[in-house]
Amino acid sequence: MQMLLGPSLRSLRRQLWSSSSSIFSNYSSFNSSGLLQTFSNTLRLIILPSTSSLSTISTKNCNFHYFSTSAAVAANLSTKEIVSKVTRRRQRRRLAKTCGKTTNAYAAIELALDSVVKIFTVSSSPNYGLPWQNKSQRETTGSGFVIPGKKILTNAHVVADSTFVLVRKHGSPTKYRAQVEAVGHECDLAILIVESDEFWEGMHFLELGDIPFLQQAVAVVGYPQGGDNISVTKGVVSRVEPTQYVHGATQLMAIQIDAAINPGNSGGPAIMGNKVAGVAFQNLSGAENIGYIIPVPVIKHFITGVVEHGKYVGFCSLGLSCQTTENVQLRNNFGMRSEVTGVLVNKINPLSDAHEILKKDDIILAFDGVPIANDGTGSHSMLFI
């Protein structure tokens, strides 16, 4: 089926397929001489006996075209047979389109199978109540994936306070010893190194992509609880905004997706196309299908800092704390007119560069040319405080 003209295609298509038996009850077949019949003065079925082998279902505002092997064959078909043939053709087209998308998805997942690893961690956390000893050891698992330079990227909380780390690649029973090269608790990222040459045989690194748009499809690959083999869950991007990172108790950019992220998925990649759109790191407890991935800009900043300086260098900060100015009395106290918006400076870190520029009770009106609203947001609801 292919529409040539008319805005009423969908309504006519629904009417045709849902009510075809009643529409054509009086016209069960056609002859080769050609036939023109009318239904409710709007729906017309035309069978052309010419060699063009073209059958047309038309209304005043829209046209459908159905192609058969020949006009003579089409003219001798019953209405049910015509509808059946067109339905099967539509199903084949839909199946071919779906298979094309599925093939692309499978190609990306197949690429991840040679890149995603399962991480086994033995950790011992400090005992702050008894600082002369550590807490008892515990074993946890997580996920990670290979990045350029024969390194593995995972979450910081997967290897935090680790005493022993092993990694296992997909389809192999062997576990290999790994060393933690760098940990960024603030952004919940870590880099591992495996010295065994045998481990790297057949392994491929994943490339980092860009920030996805809303409703773009992603596939989260990892080793969550509930099984020992690799797992793939699919979803779409729901939101992109600054989010509280639970592990580091900081607020950085994050991407919300509706794919299932469970314990064990942490550190696994979120694949978009054939590149990484983020790293799975947390979900929202008490909610359904709300998971978060660390976006590529945060990942690149972490990796670049480690490559250039040999260690995690952190993220920049203004070194001050602010409060919103939504309260009318507060705004009147500082003489803020109704058209003026901004946030109030409460405290300034004496070691920051802002200490010599800003003062307590200053009102910050804009950031890098972007006006700041009274609730601390900017354009596109970007949170500044």
Protein backbone atom coordinates (compact mmCIF):
# COMPACT_ATOMS: atom_id res chain seq x y z
CA MET A 1 0.00 0.00 0.00
CA GLN A 2 1.28 3.43 -0.91
CA MET A 3 -0.47 6.72 -0.42
CA LEU A 4 -0.37 9.21 -3.26
CA LEU A 5 -2.70 11.94 -2.06
CA GLY A 6 -5.03 12.84 0.77
CA PRO A 7 -4.96 13.45 4.52
CA SER A 8 -7.58 10.76 5.32
CA LEU A 9 -5.28 7.81 4.62
CA ARG A 10 -5.24 6.43 8.14
CA SER A 11 -9.01 6.55 8.63
CA LEU A 12 -9.62 4.93 5.25
CA ARG A 13 -6.98 2.27 5.91
CA ARG A 14 -8.56 1.38 9.25
CA GLN A 15 -11.99 1.29 7.62
CA LEU A 16 -10.71 -0.89 4.80
CA TRP A 17 -8.93 -3.50 6.91
CA SER A 18 -11.40 -3.66 9.82
CA SER A 19 -14.53 -3.70 7.71
CA SER A 20 -13.42 -5.29 4.46
CA SER A 21 -15.94 -8.14 4.73
CA SER A 22 -18.89 -5.78 5.09
CA ILE A 23 -17.61 -3.30 2.51
CA PHE A 24 -17.20 -5.88 -0.22
CA SER A 25 -19.98 -8.29 0.78
CA ASN A 26 -21.90 -7.61 -2.40
CA TYR A 27 -18.88 -7.72 -4.69
CA SER A 28 -17.09 -11.02 -4.21
CA SER A 29 -15.29 -11.10 -7.57
CA PHE A 30 -14.49 -9.07 -10.63
CA ASN A 31 -14.36 -9.88 -14.30
CA SER A 32 -11.73 -8.96 -16.85
CA SER A 33 -13.90 -6.34 -18.52
CA GLY A 34 -13.44 -3.96 -15.63
CA LEU A 35 -15.84 -2.84 -12.92
CA LEU A 36 -16.63 0.35 -11.09
CA GLN A 37 -18.75 0.20 -7.93
CA THR A 38 -19.58 2.72 -5.22
CA PHE A 39 -19.76 2.29 -1.45
CA SER A 40 -21.51 5.01 0.60
CA ASN A 41 -20.87 7.42 -2.27
CA THR A 42 -17.24 7.81 -1.17
CA LEU A 43 -15.34 4.53 -1.44
CA ARG A 44 -14.72 3.32 -4.99
CA LEU A 45 -13.04 0.13 -6.08
CA ILE A 46 -11.62 0.19 -9.60
CA ILE A 47 -10.10 -2.80 -11.39
CA LEU A 48 -8.39 -1.84 -14.63
CA PRO A 49 -8.16 -4.49 -17.36
CA SER A 50 -5.26 -2.72 -19.06
CA THR A 51 -1.70 -4.06 -19.15
CA SER A 52 -0.67 -1.60 -16.47
CA SER A 53 -1.64 -4.26 -13.88
CA LEU A 54 -2.73 -1.51 -11.54
CA SER A 55 -5.70 -1.69 -9.15
CA THR A 56 -6.76 1.47 -7.35
CA ILE A 57 -8.88 2.02 -4.28
CA SER A 58 -9.75 5.68 -4.24
CA THR A 59 -11.86 8.28 -2.48
CA LYS A 60 -12.44 11.88 -3.19
CA ASN A 61 -9.33 12.92 -1.24
CA CYS A 62 -6.96 9.94 -1.31
CA ASN A 63 -5.73 7.08 -3.49
CA PHE A 64 -4.32 3.61 -2.81
CA HIS A 65 -2.38 1.58 -5.35
CA TYR A 66 -2.19 -2.21 -5.42
CA PHE A 67 0.09 -3.92 -7.95
CA SER A 68 -0.49 -7.49 -9.10
CA THR A 69 1.27 -9.68 -11.66
CA SER A 70 -1.28 -8.76 -14.32
CA ALA A 71 -4.62 -7.03 -14.60
CA ALA A 72 -6.32 -10.20 -15.75
CA VAL A 73 -5.15 -12.09 -12.68
CA ALA A 74 -6.23 -9.28 -10.41
CA ALA A 75 -9.62 -9.08 -12.09
CA ASN A 76 -10.35 -12.76 -11.37
CA LEU A 77 -9.40 -12.53 -7.69
CA SER A 78 -12.08 -12.29 -5.02
CA THR A 79 -12.08 -9.32 -2.68
CA LYS A 80 -10.92 -11.43 0.25
CA GLU A 81 -8.02 -12.72 -1.82
CA ILE A 82 -7.02 -9.18 -2.82
CA VAL A 83 -7.15 -8.00 0.79
CA SER A 84 -5.22 -11.09 1.87
CA LYS A 85 -2.48 -10.53 -0.73
CA VAL A 86 -2.11 -6.87 0.19
CA THR A 87 -2.02 -7.72 3.90
CA ARG A 88 0.72 -10.29 3.34
CA ARG A 89 2.69 -7.77 1.31
CA ARG A 90 2.39 -5.21 4.09
CA GLN A 91 3.54 -7.81 6.60
CA ARG A 92 6.58 -8.65 4.48
CA ARG A 93 7.50 -4.99 4.20
CA ARG A 94 7.09 -4.51 7.95
CA LEU A 95 9.13 -7.65 8.65
CA ALA A 96 11.90 -6.56 6.31
CA LYS A 97 12.01 -3.15 7.95
CA THR A 98 12.05 -4.68 11.42
CA CYS A 99 14.74 -7.17 10.46
CA GLY A 100 16.91 -4.34 9.20
CA LYS A 101 16.66 -2.54 12.53
CA THR A 102 17.17 -5.76 14.45
CA THR A 103 20.25 -6.58 12.41
CA ASN A 104 21.77 -3.22 13.32
CA ALA A 105 20.95 -3.79 16.99
CA TYR A 106 22.41 -7.29 16.90
CA ALA A 107 25.54 -5.96 15.20
CA ALA A 108 26.08 -3.50 18.03
CA ILE A 109 25.45 -6.18 20.64
CA GLU A 110 27.76 -8.61 18.83
CA LEU A 111 30.44 -5.94 19.01
CA ALA A 112 29.87 -5.56 22.74
CA LEU A 113 30.21 -9.30 23.39
CA ASP A 114 33.94 -9.06 22.63
CA SER A 115 34.33 -5.95 24.79
CA VAL A 116 32.20 -6.34 27.93
CA VAL A 117 33.68 -8.22 30.89
CA LYS A 118 32.45 -9.37 34.28
CA ILE A 119 34.34 -8.02 37.28
CA PHE A 120 34.79 -9.91 40.54
CA THR A 121 35.85 -7.74 43.49
CA VAL A 122 36.97 -8.61 47.01
CA SER A 123 36.81 -5.46 49.12
CA SER A 124 37.38 -4.45 52.72
CA SER A 125 35.98 -1.09 53.77
CA PRO A 126 37.46 1.05 56.57
CA ASN A 127 35.88 0.73 59.98
CA TYR A 128 35.49 4.29 61.20
CA GLY A 129 34.22 3.12 64.58
CA LEU A 130 37.38 1.04 65.08
CA PRO A 131 39.90 2.87 62.90
CA TRP A 132 42.75 0.45 63.70
CA GLN A 133 41.04 -2.32 61.72
CA ASN A 134 38.97 -2.81 58.58
CA LYS A 135 35.57 -4.36 58.16
CA SER A 136 35.27 -7.99 57.11
CA GLN A 137 35.87 -8.77 53.45
CA ARG A 138 32.97 -9.05 51.03
CA GLU A 139 32.66 -10.19 47.45
CA THR A 140 30.76 -8.24 44.79
CA THR A 141 30.40 -8.37 41.01
CA GLY A 142 30.02 -5.74 38.35
CA SER A 143 30.58 -5.06 34.66
CA GLY A 144 33.11 -3.22 32.56
CA PHE A 145 34.16 -2.76 28.95
CA VAL A 146 37.37 -2.34 26.98
CA ILE A 147 38.47 1.13 25.88
CA PRO A 148 41.46 2.11 23.69
CA GLY A 149 44.85 1.47 25.23
CA LYS A 150 44.07 -2.03 26.52
CA LYS A 151 42.21 -0.71 29.52
CA ILE A 152 38.86 -1.53 31.12
CA LEU A 153 36.40 1.16 32.17
CA THR A 154 33.99 0.47 35.02
CA ASN A 155 32.33 2.20 37.98
CA ALA A 156 34.26 3.39 41.00
CA HIS A 157 31.84 1.74 43.40
CA VAL A 158 32.51 -1.63 41.72
CA VAL A 159 36.17 -1.58 42.80
CA ALA A 160 36.00 0.78 45.80
CA ASP A 161 38.15 -0.39 48.75
CA SER A 162 39.19 -3.41 46.70
CA THR A 163 41.88 -5.82 47.85
CA PHE A 164 41.60 -8.24 44.94
CA VAL A 165 40.05 -7.78 41.46
CA LEU A 166 39.43 -10.41 38.77
CA VAL A 167 37.89 -10.03 35.32
CA ARG A 168 36.33 -12.61 33.02
CA LYS A 169 35.46 -12.11 29.38
CA HIS A 170 32.37 -13.44 27.65
CA GLY A 171 32.45 -17.14 26.78
CA SER A 172 35.56 -17.88 28.85
CA PRO A 173 35.72 -19.66 32.22
CA THR A 174 39.12 -18.15 33.05
CA LYS A 175 39.42 -15.21 35.43
CA TYR A 176 42.35 -12.83 35.07
CA ARG A 177 43.95 -10.62 37.70
CA ALA A 178 43.34 -6.88 37.22
CA GLN A 179 44.92 -3.82 38.78
CA VAL A 180 43.13 -0.55 39.51
CA GLU A 181 44.93 2.25 37.66
CA ALA A 182 42.72 5.18 38.61
CA VAL A 183 39.51 5.79 40.55
CA GLY A 184 37.26 8.85 40.39
CA HIS A 185 34.75 8.57 43.22
CA GLU A 186 33.26 11.94 42.32
CA CYS A 187 32.17 10.78 38.84
CA ASP A 188 31.90 7.08 39.85
CA LEU A 189 34.40 5.85 37.23
CA ALA A 190 37.50 3.67 37.40
CA ILE A 191 40.10 2.24 35.01
CA LEU A 192 41.51 -1.27 35.29
CA ILE A 193 44.60 -2.80 33.71
CA VAL A 194 45.09 -6.50 32.89
CA GLU A 195 48.68 -7.55 32.25
CA SER A 196 47.91 -10.99 30.81
CA ASP A 197 48.38 -11.09 27.03
CA GLU A 198 46.07 -14.09 26.82
CA PHE A 199 43.19 -12.01 28.12
CA TRP A 200 43.46 -9.50 25.28
CA GLU A 201 43.29 -12.11 22.52
CA GLY A 202 40.07 -11.53 20.57
CA MET A 203 39.08 -8.48 22.62
CA HIS A 204 37.97 -5.27 20.91
CA PHE A 205 37.58 -1.81 22.36
CA LEU A 206 34.40 0.25 22.17
CA GLU A 207 34.37 3.80 20.86
CA LEU A 208 32.72 6.65 22.75
CA GLY A 209 29.86 8.40 20.98
CA ASP A 210 27.91 11.56 21.75
CA ILE A 211 25.09 12.61 24.04
CA PRO A 212 21.92 10.96 22.67
CA PHE A 213 18.70 12.78 21.93
CA LEU A 214 15.48 12.08 23.77
CA GLN A 215 13.73 8.86 22.73
CA GLN A 216 16.85 7.47 21.07
CA ALA A 217 17.21 3.74 21.63
CA VAL A 218 20.05 2.35 23.76
CA ALA A 219 21.04 -1.19 24.76
CA VAL A 220 22.58 -1.77 28.19
CA VAL A 221 25.02 -4.69 28.23
CA GLY A 222 26.36 -6.21 31.43
CA TYR A 223 26.21 -8.96 34.02
CA PRO A 224 23.32 -8.14 36.40
CA GLN A 225 22.07 -10.34 39.20
CA GLY A 226 19.78 -13.21 38.32
CA GLY A 227 22.26 -15.14 36.20
CA ASP A 228 25.89 -15.64 35.36
CA ASN A 229 25.83 -15.00 31.61
CA ILE A 230 25.83 -11.68 29.78
CA SER A 231 22.56 -9.72 29.68
CA VAL A 232 21.19 -7.15 27.24
CA THR A 233 18.31 -4.80 28.01
CA LYS A 234 16.92 -2.19 25.63
CA GLY A 235 15.30 1.15 26.31
CA VAL A 236 15.14 4.77 25.23
CA VAL A 237 16.56 8.01 26.56
CA SER A 238 14.02 9.71 28.82
CA ARG A 239 15.91 12.68 30.28
CA VAL A 240 19.28 14.45 30.21
CA GLU A 241 20.07 16.69 33.17
CA PRO A 242 22.36 17.11 36.23
CA THR A 243 21.70 14.28 38.69
CA GLN A 244 22.91 13.36 42.13
CA TYR A 245 25.61 10.68 41.93
CA VAL A 246 24.93 8.44 44.91
CA HIS A 247 28.46 7.05 45.25
CA GLY A 248 30.27 10.38 45.16
CA ALA A 249 27.47 12.51 46.65
CA THR A 250 28.02 15.02 43.84
CA GLN A 251 25.83 16.45 41.12
CA LEU A 252 26.99 15.90 37.54
CA MET A 253 25.38 15.41 34.16
CA ALA A 254 23.54 12.09 33.77
CA ILE A 255 21.19 10.43 31.29
CA GLN A 256 17.97 8.76 32.42
CA ILE A 257 16.83 5.70 30.46
CA ASP A 258 13.96 3.25 30.85
CA ALA A 259 16.10 0.13 30.30
CA ALA A 260 16.42 -2.15 33.30
CA ILE A 261 19.58 -1.47 35.34
CA ASN A 262 20.08 -3.87 38.24
CA PRO A 263 22.93 -4.66 40.66
CA GLY A 264 25.73 -6.11 38.55
CA ASN A 265 24.96 -3.87 35.55
CA SER A 266 27.17 -1.18 37.08
CA GLY A 267 30.08 -0.36 34.80
CA GLY A 268 28.50 -1.88 31.69
CA PRO A 269 28.15 0.18 28.51
CA ALA A 270 24.96 1.64 27.09
CA ILE A 271 25.28 1.07 23.34
CA MET A 272 23.73 3.44 20.81
CA GLY A 273 24.33 2.34 17.24
CA ASN A 274 27.90 1.05 17.32
CA LYS A 275 29.25 3.42 19.97
CA VAL A 276 28.99 3.94 23.71
CA ALA A 277 26.42 6.49 24.86
CA GLY A 278 27.21 6.09 28.56
CA VAL A 279 28.09 3.84 31.49
CA ALA A 280 25.34 2.31 33.64
CA PHE A 281 25.85 3.24 37.28
CA GLN A 282 22.62 3.55 39.32
CA ASN A 283 18.85 3.28 39.34
CA LEU A 284 16.04 4.92 41.28
CA SER A 285 14.81 2.69 44.07
CA GLY A 286 11.05 2.51 44.51
CA ALA A 287 10.44 3.40 40.85
CA GLU A 288 10.00 1.28 37.75
CA ASN A 289 12.25 1.45 34.70
CA ILE A 290 14.27 4.46 35.82
CA GLY A 291 17.99 3.94 35.39
CA TYR A 292 20.90 6.31 34.89
CA ILE A 293 24.03 6.23 32.76
CA ILE A 294 27.11 8.45 32.92
CA PRO A 295 27.29 10.49 29.68
CA VAL A 296 30.27 10.61 27.34
CA PRO A 297 31.50 14.15 28.27
CA VAL A 298 31.97 13.05 31.90
CA ILE A 299 33.70 9.85 30.75
CA LYS A 300 36.05 11.73 28.41
CA HIS A 301 36.98 14.23 31.11
CA PHE A 302 37.85 11.40 33.48
CA ILE A 303 39.91 9.45 30.91
CA THR A 304 41.71 12.57 29.63
CA GLY A 305 42.74 13.54 33.14
CA VAL A 306 44.13 10.08 33.81
CA VAL A 307 46.02 9.98 30.49
CA GLU A 308 47.53 13.47 30.83
CA HIS A 309 48.30 13.50 34.56
CA GLY A 310 48.49 9.81 35.42
CA LYS A 311 45.74 10.14 38.00
CA TYR A 312 42.22 11.42 38.49
CA VAL A 313 42.19 15.23 38.55
CA GLY A 314 38.53 15.81 39.44
CA PHE A 315 35.98 18.31 38.18
CA CYS A 316 36.14 22.07 38.54
CA SER A 317 34.00 23.94 41.03
CA LEU A 318 33.13 27.58 41.63
CA GLY A 319 33.92 27.12 45.30
CA LEU A 320 30.77 28.79 46.55
CA SER A 321 27.27 27.94 47.71
CA CYS A 322 24.13 29.76 46.64
CA GLN A 323 20.46 29.86 47.48
CA THR A 324 17.41 30.51 45.34
CA THR A 325 15.63 33.86 45.37
CA GLU A 326 12.06 32.70 44.86
CA ASN A 327 10.99 34.19 48.19
CA VAL A 328 9.36 37.60 47.66
CA GLN A 329 10.59 39.03 50.97
CA LEU A 330 14.14 37.98 50.19
CA ARG A 331 13.98 39.64 46.80
CA ASN A 332 12.60 42.85 48.30
CA ASN A 333 15.36 42.84 50.93
CA PHE A 334 18.04 42.90 48.22
CA GLY A 335 16.15 45.34 46.01
CA MET A 336 15.56 42.89 43.14
CA ARG A 337 13.02 44.16 40.64
CA SER A 338 10.49 41.76 39.13
CA GLU A 339 12.39 41.50 35.84
CA VAL A 340 15.70 40.73 37.60
CA THR A 341 16.47 37.09 38.30
CA GLY A 342 19.42 35.33 39.90
CA VAL A 343 20.71 33.44 42.94
CA LEU A 344 22.13 34.65 46.24
CA VAL A 345 25.72 33.85 47.28
CA ASN A 346 25.75 32.41 50.80
CA LYS A 347 29.30 31.19 51.28
CA ILE A 348 32.60 31.35 49.40
CA ASN A 349 35.48 28.92 49.77
CA PRO A 350 38.47 31.03 50.92
CA LEU A 351 40.82 28.91 48.75
CA SER A 352 38.84 29.35 45.54
CA ASP A 353 39.51 31.94 42.86
CA ALA A 354 36.03 33.34 43.42
CA HIS A 355 36.99 34.46 46.93
CA GLU A 356 38.71 37.59 45.61
CA ILE A 357 35.96 38.41 43.10
CA LEU A 358 32.64 37.60 44.73
CA LYS A 359 31.37 38.50 48.17
CA LYS A 360 28.73 37.10 50.46
CA ASP A 361 25.19 38.34 49.63
CA ASP A 362 26.10 39.02 46.00
CA ILE A 363 23.42 38.20 43.42
CA ILE A 364 24.63 36.20 40.41
CA LEU A 365 22.46 37.18 37.44
CA ALA A 366 23.97 35.13 34.61
CA PHE A 367 26.52 32.41 33.98
CA ASP A 368 28.57 32.57 30.78
CA GLY A 369 25.92 34.81 29.25
CA VAL A 370 23.04 32.51 30.22
CA PRO A 371 20.52 34.20 32.55
CA ILE A 372 19.92 32.39 35.83
CA ALA A 373 16.33 32.05 37.01
CA ASN A 374 15.24 32.58 40.61
CA ASP A 375 15.07 28.82 41.15
CA GLY A 376 18.69 28.35 40.11
CA THR A 377 18.03 27.06 36.60
CA GLY A 378 18.99 28.47 33.24
CA SER A 379 17.86 27.87 29.68
CA HIS A 380 16.54 24.37 29.01
CA SER A 381 16.06 24.01 32.80
CA MET A 382 19.79 23.58 33.33
CA LEU A 383 20.51 23.51 37.06
CA PHE A 384 23.31 25.83 38.22
CA ILE A 385 23.16 25.32 41.98
